[in-house]
Amino acid sequence: MPQATASQEKSAVDTLLLAAPVAWKGTLAQYAGRLHRAHRSKREVWILDYVDEAVPVLARMFEKRRRGYKSLGYIEGHPPADFEIQTDPALDGDDYAFDGSQSFAAG
């Protein structure tokens, strides 16, 4: 799975790992929008959203993102059991299994 940053756009990106405290729907829409660029190998897109719900301000921001995901047409759920996040081979080449954090798939 290719990785992308704000300065490096790749249309094959199909998964967003969100671990930053974002609450504004516009930022969320911008991040999610990168996933929806057409690519022949892309079948579905996922946003994996990590949140520390024990921290009240982060939990509130997550609730705002939850509403934002819904308004953007995403469905909350969990990816298939065999879902794996492939890392950059330069970082050891290991794959990491999804740990069960909240995830959203395009509906």
C-alpha atoms as a PDB file:
ATOM      1  CA  MET A   1       0.000   0.000   0.000  1.00  0.00           C
ATOM      2  CA  PRO A   2       1.611   3.289  -1.057  1.00  0.00           C
ATOM      3  CA  GLN A   3       2.013   6.032   1.511  1.00  0.00           C
ATOM      4  CA  ALA A   4       1.287   9.709   0.865  1.00  0.00           C
ATOM      5  CA  THR A   5       1.856  13.012   2.557  1.00  0.00           C
ATOM      6  CA  ALA A   6       0.570  16.479   1.742  1.00  0.00           C
ATOM      7  CA  SER A   7       3.512  16.998  -0.607  1.00  0.00           C
ATOM      8  CA  GLN A   8       3.425  13.548  -2.181  1.00  0.00           C
ATOM      9  CA  GLU A   9       0.138  12.623  -3.857  1.00  0.00           C
ATOM     10  CA  LYS A  10      -0.424   9.058  -5.039  1.00  0.00           C
ATOM     11  CA  SER A  11      -3.743   7.890  -6.423  1.00  0.00           C
ATOM     12  CA  ALA A  12      -3.198   4.269  -5.290  1.00  0.00           C
ATOM     13  CA  VAL A  13      -3.488   5.211  -1.599  1.00  0.00           C
ATOM     14  CA  ASP A  14      -6.433   3.312  -0.120  1.00  0.00           C
ATOM     15  CA  THR A  15      -5.955   3.595   3.659  1.00  0.00           C
ATOM     16  CA  LEU A  16      -5.583   6.581   5.966  1.00  0.00           C
ATOM     17  CA  LEU A  17      -4.174   6.060   9.458  1.00  0.00           C
ATOM     18  CA  LEU A  18      -5.442   9.009  11.456  1.00  0.00           C
ATOM     19  CA  ALA A  19      -3.666   9.438  14.782  1.00  0.00           C
ATOM     20  CA  ALA A  20      -3.759  13.230  15.039  1.00  0.00           C
ATOM     21  CA  PRO A  21      -6.370  15.206  16.956  1.00  0.00           C
ATOM     22  CA  VAL A  22      -8.468  16.590  14.109  1.00  0.00           C
ATOM     23  CA  ALA A  23     -11.957  17.974  14.712  1.00  0.00           C
ATOM     24  CA  TRP A  24     -12.711  20.266  11.761  1.00  0.00           C
ATOM     25  CA  LYS A  25     -14.777  18.592   9.031  1.00  0.00           C
ATOM     26  CA  GLY A  26     -12.883  20.478   6.301  1.00  0.00           C
ATOM     27  CA  THR A  27      -9.577  18.909   7.328  1.00  0.00           C
ATOM     28  CA  LEU A  28     -11.206  15.499   7.571  1.00  0.00           C
ATOM     29  CA  ALA A  29     -12.722  15.918   4.092  1.00  0.00           C
ATOM     30  CA  GLN A  30      -9.332  16.934   2.688  1.00  0.00           C
ATOM     31  CA  TYR A  31      -7.593  13.890   4.183  1.00  0.00           C
ATOM     32  CA  ALA A  32     -10.359  11.504   3.096  1.00  0.00           C
ATOM     33  CA  GLY A  33     -10.482  13.056  -0.364  1.00  0.00           C
ATOM     34  CA  ARG A  34      -6.992  11.819  -1.095  1.00  0.00           C
ATOM     35  CA  LEU A  35      -8.293   8.263  -0.761  1.00  0.00           C
ATOM     36  CA  HIS A  36     -10.912   8.721  -3.469  1.00  0.00           C
ATOM     37  CA  ARG A  37      -8.615   9.467  -6.375  1.00  0.00           C
ATOM     38  CA  ALA A  38      -9.195   6.873  -9.082  1.00  0.00           C
ATOM     39  CA  HIS A  39      -6.666   4.061  -9.492  1.00  0.00           C
ATOM     40  CA  ARG A  40      -7.076   0.778 -11.355  1.00  0.00           C
ATOM     41  CA  SER A  41      -6.008  -1.364  -8.377  1.00  0.00           C
ATOM     42  CA  LYS A  42      -8.214   0.362  -5.795  1.00  0.00           C
ATOM     43  CA  ARG A  43     -11.383  -1.494  -4.729  1.00  0.00           C
ATOM     44  CA  GLU A  44     -12.240   0.094  -1.368  1.00  0.00           C
ATOM     45  CA  VAL A  45     -10.861   2.717   0.978  1.00  0.00           C
ATOM     46  CA  TRP A  46     -10.417   2.696   4.767  1.00  0.00           C
ATOM     47  CA  ILE A  47      -9.767   5.269   7.444  1.00  0.00           C
ATOM     48  CA  LEU A  48      -8.321   3.813  10.644  1.00  0.00           C
ATOM     49  CA  ASP A  49      -8.929   6.337  13.386  1.00  0.00           C
ATOM     50  CA  TYR A  50      -6.928   6.014  16.598  1.00  0.00           C
ATOM     51  CA  VAL A  51      -8.230   7.865  19.651  1.00  0.00           C
ATOM     52  CA  ASP A  52      -7.464   7.896  23.365  1.00  0.00           C
ATOM     53  CA  GLU A  53     -11.025   8.087  24.686  1.00  0.00           C
ATOM     54  CA  ALA A  54      -9.697   8.404  28.264  1.00  0.00           C
ATOM     55  CA  VAL A  55      -8.678  11.995  27.459  1.00  0.00           C
ATOM     56  CA  PRO A  56     -11.907  14.060  27.381  1.00  0.00           C
ATOM     57  CA  VAL A  57     -10.790  16.615  24.788  1.00  0.00           C
ATOM     58  CA  LEU A  58      -9.631  13.853  22.428  1.00  0.00           C
ATOM     59  CA  ALA A  59     -12.880  11.936  22.924  1.00  0.00           C
ATOM     60  CA  ARG A  60     -14.889  15.066  22.035  1.00  0.00           C
ATOM     61  CA  MET A  61     -12.792  15.629  18.908  1.00  0.00           C
ATOM     62  CA  PHE A  62     -13.376  12.019  17.909  1.00  0.00           C
ATOM     63  CA  GLU A  63     -17.149  12.475  18.265  1.00  0.00           C
ATOM     64  CA  LYS A  64     -16.918  15.441  15.864  1.00  0.00           C
ATOM     65  CA  ARG A  65     -14.925  13.295  13.416  1.00  0.00           C
ATOM     66  CA  ARG A  66     -17.521  10.539  13.754  1.00  0.00           C
ATOM     67  CA  ARG A  67     -20.238  12.949  12.624  1.00  0.00           C
ATOM     68  CA  GLY A  68     -17.927  14.175   9.861  1.00  0.00           C
ATOM     69  CA  TYR A  69     -17.309  10.641   8.581  1.00  0.00           C
ATOM     70  CA  LYS A  70     -21.047  10.010   8.455  1.00  0.00           C
ATOM     71  CA  SER A  71     -21.695  13.236   6.530  1.00  0.00           C
ATOM     72  CA  LEU A  72     -18.975  12.225   4.046  1.00  0.00           C
ATOM     73  CA  GLY A  73     -20.698   8.882   3.431  1.00  0.00           C
ATOM     74  CA  TYR A  74     -18.451   6.632   5.506  1.00  0.00           C
ATOM     75  CA  ILE A  75     -19.745   3.666   7.485  1.00  0.00           C
ATOM     76  CA  GLU A  76     -18.314   2.872  10.916  1.00  0.00           C
ATOM     77  CA  GLY A  77     -17.146  -0.671  11.480  1.00  0.00           C
ATOM     78  CA  HIS A  78     -14.164  -2.948  11.570  1.00  0.00           C
ATOM     79  CA  PRO A  79     -12.116  -4.187   8.634  1.00  0.00           C
ATOM     80  CA  PRO A  80     -12.007  -7.908   7.777  1.00  0.00           C
ATOM     81  CA  ALA A  81     -10.055 -10.155  10.180  1.00  0.00           C
ATOM     82  CA  ASP A  82      -7.279 -10.612   7.616  1.00  0.00           C
ATOM     83  CA  PHE A  83      -6.808  -6.860   7.090  1.00  0.00           C
ATOM     84  CA  GLU A  84      -3.117  -5.937   7.268  1.00  0.00           C
ATOM     85  CA  ILE A  85      -1.320  -2.634   7.131  1.00  0.00           C
ATOM     86  CA  GLN A  86       1.723  -2.950   4.920  1.00  0.00           C
ATOM     87  CA  THR A  87       4.601  -0.763   5.941  1.00  0.00           C
ATOM     88  CA  ASP A  88       7.347   0.715   3.847  1.00  0.00           C
ATOM     89  CA  PRO A  89       9.859  -2.109   3.112  1.00  0.00           C
ATOM     90  CA  ALA A  90      12.671   0.244   4.097  1.00  0.00           C
ATOM     91  CA  LEU A  91      11.327   0.122   7.672  1.00  0.00           C
ATOM     92  CA  ASP A  92      12.042  -3.643   8.097  1.00  0.00           C
ATOM     93  CA  GLY A  93       9.439  -4.969   5.678  1.00  0.00           C
ATOM     94  CA  ASP A  94       7.145  -6.061   8.517  1.00  0.00           C
ATOM     95  CA  ASP A  95       3.379  -5.957   8.233  1.00  0.00           C
ATOM     96  CA  TYR A  96       1.232  -5.043  11.194  1.00  0.00           C
ATOM     97  CA  ALA A  97      -2.156  -6.587  11.861  1.00  0.00           C
ATOM     98  CA  PHE A  98      -4.966  -4.165  12.583  1.00  0.00           C
ATOM     99  CA  ASP A  99      -5.473  -3.832  16.342  1.00  0.00           C
ATOM    100  CA  GLY A 100      -9.202  -3.123  16.462  1.00  0.00           C
ATOM    101  CA  SER A 101      -9.304   0.673  16.712  1.00  0.00           C
ATOM    102  CA  GLN A 102     -12.287   2.469  15.169  1.00  0.00           C
ATOM    103  CA  SER A 103     -12.378   2.329  11.389  1.00  0.00           C
ATOM    104  CA  PHE A 104     -14.559   3.760   8.667  1.00  0.00           C
ATOM    105  CA  ALA A 105     -15.155   2.459   5.144  1.00  0.00           C
ATOM    106  CA  ALA A 106     -16.540   4.443   2.247  1.00  0.00           C
ATOM    107  CA  GLY A 107     -20.221   3.644   1.890  1.00  0.00           C
END
